[in-house]
Amino acid sequence: MATVRLGQKNRALTRAVPDSFDRALAKFFGSGPTDIPLAKAQHTAYCQALVDAGIEVTILPKDNDHPDCIFVEDQAVVIDGHVLLPVPGHPSRVNEQPPISEFINRQLSGTKICSMNGGARMDGGDILRLGDLFFVGRSSRTNDAGIEELQDLLTHLGHELRIIEIPDQALHLTSISSTPTDKVILAPEGFISKDAFGELPDGCEVKWMPAEEVYGCNTIGLPNGQVLVAEGYPTVLKTLQAMGLDTVLLDMSQIREADGSLTCCSLFF
């Protein structure tokens, strides 16, 4: 999840891979999963990596009626004790949300939870946090009305929001970027302009990766100094290691085939 600070990543919600995963939406990184047992094994390894890093992990049951249900990041936005439940940008994914909202209501009692209304649409994967600065992708899944509702929440919390235009060849903002630490953004050359993120706070920077390593730009930084990284992206790996981070490599090949990245599969709270 890209809306919590590094030190706030104590608990994570995930969801098991459904038997229908081969019917997941796919357009950007792959043409659809072909090996469901392998996808399940990769997801298990992903969850175990979080556990090994000291994260308390909950795995919700699979839902075979919803092939994309493992991508829980899109279904809730958790920011500083507030929760925004968006209306997902693809109609087939709207009914994935109830078990997640029910879990949040149980676990975060007393937390202010609000839902999007009207024509607002947003996937949580379009939100990126760098310290107390937020970015949102205007994409095929996130529209202006959804951005306006997010802006209302962030204004209430005293945070700044900047809009990034997501190119046609990308799904979400976090499909092409991430914050492995609270001071660094990883992003691929050629997808967005070098000035897209604007002037960053002192000590913060964007590290630009080769365009062919776009998938590898999605990482998960963890409080113990580790960072989860997809296998197969050498420049990303060397960059993170040069930052002094302890890299944990994961095979995400079948998850990638469903356009899913590392952050897509967990919701930190």
Protein backbone atom coordinates (compact mmCIF):
# COMPACT_ATOMS: atom_id res chain seq x y z
CA MET A 1 0.00 0.00 0.00
CA ALA A 2 1.47 3.34 -1.02
CA THR A 3 -0.44 5.66 1.35
CA VAL A 4 1.28 4.87 4.65
CA ARG A 5 4.69 5.94 5.88
CA LEU A 6 7.43 3.35 6.28
CA GLY A 7 7.05 3.23 10.05
CA GLN A 8 3.29 2.72 9.79
CA LYS A 9 3.62 -0.64 8.03
CA ASN A 10 2.87 -2.89 10.96
CA ARG A 11 -0.13 -4.88 9.73
CA ALA A 12 -1.10 -5.93 6.22
CA LEU A 13 -4.27 -7.32 4.69
CA THR A 14 -3.95 -9.70 1.74
CA ARG A 15 -6.34 -12.00 -0.08
CA ALA A 16 -5.83 -15.52 -1.42
CA VAL A 17 -5.50 -16.22 -5.13
CA PRO A 18 -8.81 -17.42 -6.60
CA ASP A 19 -9.11 -20.51 -8.81
CA SER A 20 -10.43 -18.14 -11.49
CA PHE A 21 -7.22 -16.06 -11.54
CA ASP A 22 -6.61 -17.00 -15.17
CA ARG A 23 -9.57 -14.73 -16.01
CA ALA A 24 -8.09 -11.69 -14.29
CA LEU A 25 -7.98 -8.43 -16.22
CA ALA A 26 -4.78 -8.12 -18.24
CA LYS A 27 -3.62 -5.53 -20.73
CA PHE A 28 -0.43 -3.78 -19.65
CA PHE A 29 2.18 -6.19 -18.28
CA GLY A 30 0.77 -9.52 -19.44
CA SER A 31 -1.95 -11.38 -21.26
CA GLY A 32 -3.35 -13.22 -18.24
CA PRO A 33 -2.03 -15.83 -15.79
CA THR A 34 -1.61 -19.35 -17.15
CA ASP A 35 -0.35 -21.25 -14.09
CA ILE A 36 -2.64 -20.83 -11.11
CA PRO A 37 -0.71 -23.20 -8.79
CA LEU A 38 2.42 -21.15 -9.46
CA ALA A 39 0.50 -17.92 -8.86
CA LYS A 40 -0.65 -19.29 -5.51
CA ALA A 41 2.89 -20.31 -4.60
CA GLN A 42 4.18 -16.85 -5.51
CA HIS A 43 1.49 -15.21 -3.40
CA THR A 44 2.34 -17.48 -0.46
CA ALA A 45 6.01 -16.49 -0.75
CA TYR A 46 4.98 -12.84 -0.88
CA CYS A 47 2.93 -13.13 2.32
CA GLN A 48 5.75 -15.05 4.02
CA ALA A 49 8.23 -12.32 3.12
CA LEU A 50 6.01 -9.82 4.92
CA VAL A 51 5.73 -12.11 7.94
CA ASP A 52 9.50 -12.62 7.98
CA ALA A 53 9.90 -8.84 8.07
CA GLY A 54 7.81 -8.64 11.23
CA ILE A 55 4.52 -7.64 9.60
CA GLU A 56 1.29 -9.07 11.00
CA VAL A 57 -0.43 -10.49 7.90
CA THR A 58 -4.11 -11.36 7.50
CA ILE A 59 -5.16 -13.38 4.44
CA LEU A 60 -8.82 -13.10 3.49
CA PRO A 61 -10.39 -16.08 1.72
CA LYS A 62 -10.35 -16.22 -2.06
CA ASP A 63 -13.43 -15.34 -4.07
CA ASN A 64 -13.67 -17.34 -7.27
CA ASP A 65 -16.37 -15.00 -8.56
CA HIS A 66 -13.82 -12.18 -8.65
CA PRO A 67 -10.62 -13.12 -10.51
CA ASP A 68 -8.82 -9.89 -9.50
CA CYS A 69 -9.66 -10.09 -5.80
CA ILE A 70 -6.03 -10.53 -4.67
CA PHE A 71 -5.33 -6.89 -5.60
CA VAL A 72 -6.58 -5.46 -2.32
CA GLU A 73 -4.62 -2.21 -2.62
CA ASP A 74 -7.28 -0.81 -4.95
CA GLN A 75 -10.17 -1.31 -2.56
CA ALA A 76 -9.34 1.00 0.34
CA VAL A 77 -7.23 4.08 1.00
CA VAL A 78 -5.84 4.25 4.55
CA ILE A 79 -4.27 7.59 5.54
CA ASP A 80 -3.40 8.62 9.10
CA GLY A 81 -6.35 7.05 10.87
CA HIS A 82 -8.83 7.77 8.08
CA VAL A 83 -10.17 5.36 5.47
CA LEU A 84 -11.60 6.24 2.08
CA LEU A 85 -13.47 3.43 0.33
CA PRO A 86 -13.26 4.25 -3.39
CA VAL A 87 -15.48 3.01 -6.19
CA PRO A 88 -13.07 0.92 -8.26
CA GLY A 89 -12.51 2.10 -11.80
CA HIS A 90 -13.45 -1.19 -13.49
CA PRO A 91 -17.06 -2.40 -13.01
CA SER A 92 -16.02 -6.02 -12.55
CA ARG A 93 -14.10 -5.13 -9.41
CA VAL A 94 -16.72 -3.18 -7.45
CA ASN A 95 -18.07 -6.20 -5.55
CA GLU A 96 -14.60 -7.19 -4.30
CA GLN A 97 -14.84 -4.44 -1.70
CA PRO A 98 -17.40 -5.63 0.92
CA PRO A 99 -15.17 -8.21 2.69
CA ILE A 100 -12.37 -5.64 2.83
CA SER A 101 -14.58 -2.87 4.20
CA GLU A 102 -16.02 -5.30 6.76
CA PHE A 103 -12.51 -6.27 7.87
CA ILE A 104 -11.49 -2.62 8.19
CA ASN A 105 -14.60 -1.85 10.23
CA ARG A 106 -13.74 -4.68 12.62
CA GLN A 107 -10.05 -3.93 12.93
CA LEU A 108 -10.12 -0.14 12.94
CA SER A 109 -13.09 0.59 15.17
CA GLY A 110 -13.31 4.30 15.87
CA THR A 111 -11.58 5.16 12.62
CA LYS A 112 -13.35 7.61 10.35
CA ILE A 113 -14.46 5.67 7.27
CA CYS A 114 -16.07 7.34 4.28
CA SER A 115 -17.15 6.09 0.86
CA MET A 116 -16.99 7.72 -2.53
CA ASN A 117 -20.23 8.92 -4.06
CA GLY A 118 -21.84 9.58 -7.41
CA GLY A 119 -19.60 9.25 -10.42
CA ALA A 120 -16.33 9.28 -8.48
CA ARG A 121 -14.00 6.44 -9.46
CA MET A 122 -10.61 5.55 -8.06
CA ASP A 123 -8.27 2.61 -7.65
CA GLY A 124 -6.01 2.75 -4.59
CA GLY A 125 -3.14 1.83 -6.89
CA ASP A 126 -3.21 5.37 -8.26
CA ILE A 127 -2.02 6.92 -4.99
CA LEU A 128 1.60 7.38 -3.93
CA ARG A 129 2.90 8.92 -0.69
CA LEU A 130 6.30 10.52 -0.15
CA GLY A 131 6.44 11.56 3.48
CA ASP A 132 3.47 13.92 3.80
CA LEU A 133 3.31 14.69 0.08
CA PHE A 134 0.78 12.73 -1.96
CA PHE A 135 0.52 12.05 -5.68
CA VAL A 136 -2.51 10.70 -7.53
CA GLY A 137 -2.65 9.32 -11.03
CA ARG A 138 -5.36 10.50 -13.38
CA SER A 139 -5.82 7.25 -15.25
CA SER A 140 -8.30 4.95 -16.95
CA ARG A 141 -9.33 3.83 -13.43
CA THR A 142 -9.24 7.15 -11.54
CA ASN A 143 -11.27 10.15 -12.67
CA ASP A 144 -11.49 13.82 -11.68
CA ALA A 145 -14.42 13.25 -9.33
CA GLY A 146 -12.46 10.58 -7.48
CA ILE A 147 -9.44 12.86 -7.26
CA GLU A 148 -11.63 15.62 -5.84
CA GLU A 149 -12.84 13.36 -3.03
CA LEU A 150 -9.27 12.34 -2.23
CA GLN A 151 -8.30 16.01 -2.24
CA ASP A 152 -11.03 16.77 0.28
CA LEU A 153 -9.65 14.13 2.66
CA LEU A 154 -6.05 15.23 2.28
CA THR A 155 -6.95 18.89 2.75
CA HIS A 156 -8.69 17.93 5.98
CA LEU A 157 -5.51 16.14 7.09
CA GLY A 158 -3.25 19.02 6.04
CA HIS A 159 -1.48 17.16 3.23
CA GLU A 160 -0.64 18.32 -0.29
CA LEU A 161 -1.87 16.41 -3.35
CA ARG A 162 -0.32 16.57 -6.82
CA ILE A 163 -1.82 15.02 -9.96
CA ILE A 164 0.22 12.83 -12.32
CA GLU A 165 -1.10 12.09 -15.80
CA ILE A 166 -0.85 8.34 -16.38
CA PRO A 167 0.05 7.42 -19.98
CA ASP A 168 -2.08 5.06 -22.03
CA GLN A 169 0.54 2.30 -21.74
CA ALA A 170 0.28 2.17 -17.94
CA LEU A 171 -2.48 1.09 -15.55
CA HIS A 172 -1.81 2.94 -12.29
CA LEU A 173 0.65 5.37 -10.75
CA THR A 174 2.04 2.58 -8.58
CA SER A 175 2.34 0.35 -11.64
CA ILE A 176 5.18 2.63 -12.70
CA SER A 177 6.55 4.03 -9.43
CA SER A 178 6.99 3.44 -5.72
CA THR A 179 8.61 4.85 -2.60
CA PRO A 180 11.05 2.28 -1.18
CA THR A 181 11.81 4.84 1.53
CA ASP A 182 10.04 7.99 2.71
CA LYS A 183 12.51 10.10 0.71
CA VAL A 184 12.93 8.30 -2.62
CA ILE A 185 10.63 7.72 -5.59
CA LEU A 186 11.56 5.08 -8.16
CA ALA A 187 10.14 5.81 -11.61
CA PRO A 188 10.86 4.69 -15.20
CA GLU A 189 12.17 6.95 -17.91
CA GLY A 190 9.83 7.55 -20.84
CA PHE A 191 6.52 7.02 -19.04
CA ILE A 192 6.14 10.39 -17.36
CA SER A 193 8.09 13.63 -17.72
CA LYS A 194 11.13 14.27 -15.54
CA ASP A 195 9.31 17.18 -13.89
CA ALA A 196 6.03 15.32 -13.30
CA PHE A 197 6.53 15.04 -9.53
CA GLY A 198 7.44 18.72 -9.18
CA GLU A 199 9.80 20.15 -6.61
CA LEU A 200 10.28 17.69 -3.77
CA PRO A 201 10.99 18.39 -0.10
CA ASP A 202 14.63 18.75 0.96
CA GLY A 203 16.45 15.45 0.99
CA CYS A 204 13.95 13.76 -1.35
CA GLU A 205 14.61 12.69 -4.92
CA VAL A 206 13.35 10.69 -7.89
CA LYS A 207 15.64 7.91 -9.06
CA TRP A 208 14.97 7.26 -12.74
CA MET A 209 15.19 3.68 -13.96
CA PRO A 210 15.43 2.37 -17.55
CA ALA A 211 12.05 2.15 -19.29
CA GLU A 212 12.44 -1.60 -19.76
CA GLU A 213 12.54 -2.00 -15.95
CA VAL A 214 9.21 -0.26 -15.38
CA TYR A 215 7.69 -3.25 -13.59
CA GLY A 216 10.64 -3.36 -11.21
CA CYS A 217 9.95 0.22 -10.13
CA ASN A 218 7.12 -1.09 -7.95
CA THR A 219 8.70 -2.03 -4.61
CA ILE A 220 7.64 -2.27 -0.97
CA GLY A 221 9.90 -0.65 1.61
CA LEU A 222 9.57 -2.11 5.10
CA PRO A 223 10.34 -0.71 8.58
CA ASN A 224 13.19 -3.17 9.20
CA GLY A 225 15.29 -1.77 6.35
CA GLN A 226 14.24 -4.41 3.86
CA VAL A 227 12.60 -3.75 0.53
CA LEU A 228 10.63 -6.27 -1.50
CA VAL A 229 11.67 -6.29 -5.15
CA ALA A 230 10.43 -8.27 -8.15
CA GLU A 231 13.02 -10.56 -9.72
CA GLY A 232 14.54 -9.66 -13.05
CA TYR A 233 15.28 -5.92 -12.84
CA PRO A 234 19.03 -5.47 -12.31
CA THR A 235 19.22 -1.66 -12.39
CA VAL A 236 16.46 -1.38 -9.79
CA LEU A 237 18.18 -3.99 -7.65
CA LYS A 238 21.59 -2.30 -7.80
CA THR A 239 20.05 1.10 -7.08
CA LEU A 240 18.29 -0.13 -3.95
CA GLN A 241 21.36 -1.98 -2.73
CA ALA A 242 23.48 1.15 -3.27
CA MET A 243 21.02 2.95 -0.97
CA GLY A 244 21.95 0.48 1.76
CA LEU A 245 18.64 -1.35 1.67
CA ASP A 246 18.33 -5.08 2.28
CA THR A 247 16.65 -6.39 -0.87
CA VAL A 248 14.31 -9.39 -0.83
CA LEU A 249 13.72 -10.77 -4.32
CA LEU A 250 10.35 -12.29 -5.20
CA ASP A 251 9.18 -14.12 -8.30
CA MET A 252 6.10 -12.19 -9.43
CA SER A 253 5.80 -13.62 -12.95
CA GLN A 254 2.22 -14.91 -12.72
CA ILE A 255 1.05 -11.90 -10.71
CA ARG A 256 2.57 -9.68 -13.41
CA GLU A 257 0.56 -11.53 -16.06
CA ALA A 258 -2.58 -10.11 -14.40
CA ASP A 259 -1.10 -6.58 -14.42
CA GLY A 260 -0.43 -6.91 -10.68
CA SER A 261 2.64 -5.58 -8.89
CA LEU A 262 4.01 -5.95 -5.36
CA THR A 263 2.02 -3.14 -3.79
CA CYS A 264 -1.22 -4.33 -5.43
CA CYS A 265 -1.33 -7.42 -3.22
CA SER A 266 -1.37 -5.82 0.23
CA LEU A 267 -3.20 -3.16 2.17
CA PHE A 268 -1.19 -1.79 5.11
CA PHE A 269 -3.11 -0.41 8.06
